Amino acid sequence: MIHVCHAIGCNVQVRPQLLMCLKHWRLIPRDLQRAVWAAYVPGQEIRKDPTDEYLDVQRAAVEAVARKVDGMTQHEGMEIDIRKHKHVRADVAAGIAALRVQGRQIWGSTRHTLPEIVLRLTIVAGDLARLARDGEAALDVGEYTRSLKKELGNILLSTIRWIDDLGLDPLECLDRAIEAQERFTKSRRPR
């Protein structure tokens, strides 16, 4: 079985007991490298039973590497594309599933139709428009940032719930959005 580096977008083959290729391993802070090895249980890669502690430090290591290359779509030949990398796609799917469950815990089993969803989106868009209009002058910087995070977070959490309301597959929706945005940027239309 082929085992590849767990850094997002990297396809370099590594020994199964290794988390990452050397290039990406070197981007992880030393204390986090030590934590990865401390949580590693010999043979877990064969038995496919890593501990929760190992999964936590693995996730932290992957995130640490991602932060180092944040903002780049390519890093020394590394392409980041959730449509192509199964382990990244699985992590995205798990995160979306957790957010969908949390949204249902908050809102219950109420399901919205497309017209109801559009109405709710306009409310959030209005809140964002007011923030853009008033800017940081109307609020102190901390309150402005908190409000902006809240509104953008509302869009994320609500959209996941609405996708479920409409019986759509969230990963398929992401795939279509990625494809559409790629086509748009290649079209060179004014933005």
Protein backbone atom coordinates (compact mmCIF):
# COMPACT_ATOMS: atom_id res chain seq x y z
CA MET A 1 0.00 0.00 0.00
CA ILE A 2 1.26 3.46 -0.91
CA HIS A 3 1.61 5.98 1.93
CA VAL A 4 2.09 9.65 1.10
CA CYS A 5 3.11 12.70 3.09
CA HIS A 6 0.18 14.14 5.08
CA ALA A 7 1.02 17.75 4.21
CA ILE A 8 -1.87 19.19 2.25
CA GLY A 9 -1.29 18.69 -1.45
CA CYS A 10 1.93 16.70 -1.15
CA ASN A 11 2.09 13.36 -2.95
CA VAL A 12 5.62 12.34 -1.96
CA GLN A 13 5.68 8.69 -0.88
CA VAL A 14 7.03 8.08 2.61
CA ARG A 15 7.45 5.04 4.85
CA PRO A 16 4.09 4.24 6.51
CA GLN A 17 5.33 5.09 10.01
CA LEU A 18 6.29 8.61 8.91
CA LEU A 19 3.86 11.49 9.00
CA MET A 20 5.47 13.63 6.32
CA CYS A 21 8.25 13.86 3.79
CA LEU A 22 11.47 15.46 5.03
CA LYS A 23 10.76 18.79 3.31
CA HIS A 24 7.45 19.20 5.17
CA TRP A 25 8.62 17.59 8.42
CA ARG A 26 11.24 20.34 8.68
CA LEU A 27 8.47 22.97 8.63
CA ILE A 28 6.94 21.59 11.84
CA PRO A 29 8.14 23.24 15.08
CA ARG A 30 10.49 20.97 17.08
CA ASP A 31 8.15 20.69 20.09
CA LEU A 32 5.35 19.52 17.81
CA GLN A 33 7.70 17.03 16.10
CA ARG A 34 8.51 15.61 19.54
CA ALA A 35 4.79 15.42 20.36
CA VAL A 36 4.12 13.46 17.15
CA TRP A 37 6.76 10.87 18.05
CA ALA A 38 5.62 10.77 21.70
CA ALA A 39 2.06 9.96 20.61
CA TYR A 40 3.13 7.43 17.96
CA VAL A 41 2.51 3.77 18.88
CA PRO A 42 4.70 1.38 16.88
CA GLY A 43 2.63 -0.61 14.43
CA GLN A 44 -0.38 1.77 14.42
CA GLU A 45 0.10 2.28 10.68
CA ILE A 46 -0.21 -1.48 10.14
CA ARG A 47 -3.16 -2.01 12.51
CA LYS A 48 -4.82 1.24 11.35
CA ASP A 49 -5.56 2.21 14.97
CA PRO A 50 -3.84 5.50 15.83
CA THR A 51 -4.77 6.90 19.22
CA ASP A 52 -6.88 10.04 19.59
CA GLU A 53 -3.78 11.76 21.00
CA TYR A 54 -1.81 10.89 17.85
CA LEU A 55 -4.64 12.11 15.59
CA ASP A 56 -4.73 15.40 17.52
CA VAL A 57 -0.99 16.04 17.15
CA GLN A 58 -1.09 14.85 13.53
CA ARG A 59 -3.82 17.41 12.80
CA ALA A 60 -1.81 20.11 14.59
CA ALA A 61 1.29 19.22 12.55
CA VAL A 62 -0.63 19.33 9.26
CA GLU A 63 -2.09 22.70 10.26
CA ALA A 64 1.35 24.02 11.23
CA VAL A 65 2.71 23.15 7.79
CA ALA A 66 -0.37 24.61 6.09
CA ARG A 67 0.12 27.89 7.98
CA LYS A 68 3.71 28.08 6.72
CA VAL A 69 2.54 27.88 3.11
CA ASP A 70 -0.72 29.79 3.68
CA GLY A 71 -1.83 31.92 0.79
CA MET A 72 0.02 29.86 -1.79
CA THR A 73 -1.72 27.67 -4.32
CA GLN A 74 1.59 26.10 -5.29
CA HIS A 75 4.64 25.47 -3.14
CA GLU A 76 7.59 23.86 -4.86
CA GLY A 77 5.32 21.82 -7.12
CA MET A 78 2.70 21.15 -4.44
CA GLU A 79 -0.85 21.60 -5.65
CA ILE A 80 -3.64 22.00 -3.11
CA ASP A 81 -6.92 20.62 -4.42
CA ILE A 82 -9.48 18.83 -2.23
CA ARG A 83 -10.86 17.10 -5.31
CA LYS A 84 -7.59 15.19 -5.79
CA HIS A 85 -6.32 14.33 -2.30
CA LYS A 86 -8.35 11.64 -0.55
CA HIS A 87 -7.07 12.26 2.99
CA VAL A 88 -7.70 16.00 2.72
CA ARG A 89 -11.14 15.38 1.24
CA ALA A 90 -11.96 12.97 4.10
CA ASP A 91 -10.94 15.62 6.65
CA VAL A 92 -13.10 18.23 4.91
CA ALA A 93 -16.06 15.81 4.82
CA ALA A 94 -15.64 15.04 8.53
CA GLY A 95 -15.50 18.74 9.40
CA ILE A 96 -18.60 19.48 7.35
CA ALA A 97 -20.46 16.57 8.96
CA ALA A 98 -19.57 17.85 12.43
CA LEU A 99 -20.76 21.37 11.55
CA ARG A 100 -24.00 19.97 10.08
CA VAL A 101 -24.68 18.09 13.33
CA GLN A 102 -23.89 21.17 15.40
CA GLY A 103 -26.19 23.29 13.22
CA ARG A 104 -28.98 20.77 13.76
CA GLN A 105 -28.35 20.83 17.51
CA ILE A 106 -28.79 24.60 17.45
CA TRP A 107 -31.74 24.85 15.05
CA GLY A 108 -33.44 21.47 15.41
CA SER A 109 -34.99 19.61 12.53
CA THR A 110 -36.49 22.64 10.79
CA ARG A 111 -35.71 22.51 7.07
CA HIS A 112 -35.82 25.53 4.80
CA THR A 113 -36.86 25.82 1.16
CA LEU A 114 -34.74 27.67 -1.38
CA PRO A 115 -36.86 30.88 -1.15
CA GLU A 116 -36.50 30.82 2.66
CA ILE A 117 -32.75 30.32 2.33
CA VAL A 118 -32.44 33.25 -0.08
CA LEU A 119 -34.32 35.45 2.40
CA ARG A 120 -31.96 34.47 5.20
CA LEU A 121 -28.92 35.09 2.99
CA THR A 122 -30.13 38.63 2.28
CA ILE A 123 -30.30 39.29 6.02
CA VAL A 124 -26.65 38.28 6.45
CA ALA A 125 -25.70 40.23 3.31
CA GLY A 126 -27.41 43.28 4.82
CA ASP A 127 -25.44 42.88 8.04
CA LEU A 128 -22.21 42.66 6.04
CA ALA A 129 -23.21 45.67 3.95
CA ARG A 130 -23.76 47.72 7.12
CA LEU A 131 -20.30 46.69 8.38
CA ALA A 132 -18.77 47.68 5.03
CA ARG A 133 -20.65 50.99 4.96
CA ASP A 134 -19.89 51.98 8.53
CA GLY A 135 -16.43 50.42 8.63
CA GLU A 136 -14.21 50.51 11.62
CA ALA A 137 -15.10 54.16 12.27
CA ALA A 138 -18.50 53.23 13.73
CA LEU A 139 -17.14 50.46 15.96
CA ASP A 140 -13.90 49.98 17.78
CA VAL A 141 -11.53 47.69 15.89
CA GLY A 142 -12.15 44.74 18.22
CA GLU A 143 -15.94 44.96 17.86
CA TYR A 144 -15.66 45.41 14.08
CA THR A 145 -13.48 42.29 13.78
CA ARG A 146 -15.79 40.26 16.05
CA SER A 147 -18.83 41.33 14.00
CA LEU A 148 -17.12 40.48 10.73
CA LYS A 149 -16.08 37.04 12.01
CA LYS A 150 -19.61 36.41 13.28
CA GLU A 151 -21.27 37.28 9.95
CA LEU A 152 -18.83 35.28 7.83
CA GLY A 153 -19.13 32.38 10.29
CA ASN A 154 -22.92 32.62 9.99
CA ILE A 155 -22.57 32.21 6.23
CA LEU A 156 -20.38 29.12 6.62
CA LEU A 157 -22.43 27.35 9.29
CA SER A 158 -25.79 28.23 7.76
CA THR A 159 -24.73 27.25 4.24
CA ILE A 160 -23.76 23.77 5.43
CA ARG A 161 -27.17 23.39 7.08
CA TRP A 162 -28.99 24.75 4.02
CA ILE A 163 -27.15 22.34 1.71
CA ASP A 164 -28.46 19.57 3.94
CA ASP A 165 -31.96 21.13 3.95
CA LEU A 166 -32.00 20.88 0.15
CA GLY A 167 -30.70 17.29 0.17
CA LEU A 168 -27.47 18.17 -1.62
CA ASP A 169 -23.99 16.71 -1.12
CA PRO A 170 -21.72 19.38 0.44
CA LEU A 171 -18.56 18.02 -1.20
CA GLU A 172 -20.23 18.03 -4.59
CA CYS A 173 -21.31 21.63 -3.96
CA LEU A 174 -17.69 22.53 -3.10
CA ASP A 175 -16.44 20.76 -6.24
CA ARG A 176 -18.87 22.75 -8.40
CA ALA A 177 -17.91 26.02 -6.68
CA ILE A 178 -14.19 25.35 -7.16
CA GLU A 179 -14.74 24.54 -10.83
CA ALA A 180 -16.86 27.68 -11.35
CA GLN A 181 -14.33 29.94 -9.63
CA GLU A 182 -11.47 28.42 -11.62
CA ARG A 183 -13.40 29.01 -14.87
CA PHE A 184 -14.22 32.56 -13.81
CA THR A 185 -10.60 33.47 -13.03
CA LYS A 186 -9.44 31.98 -16.34
CA SER A 187 -12.07 33.95 -18.26
CA ARG A 188 -10.34 37.21 -17.28
CA ARG A 189 -13.67 38.94 -16.88
CA PRO A 190 -13.55 42.08 -14.75
CA ARG A 191 -14.35 41.44 -11.10
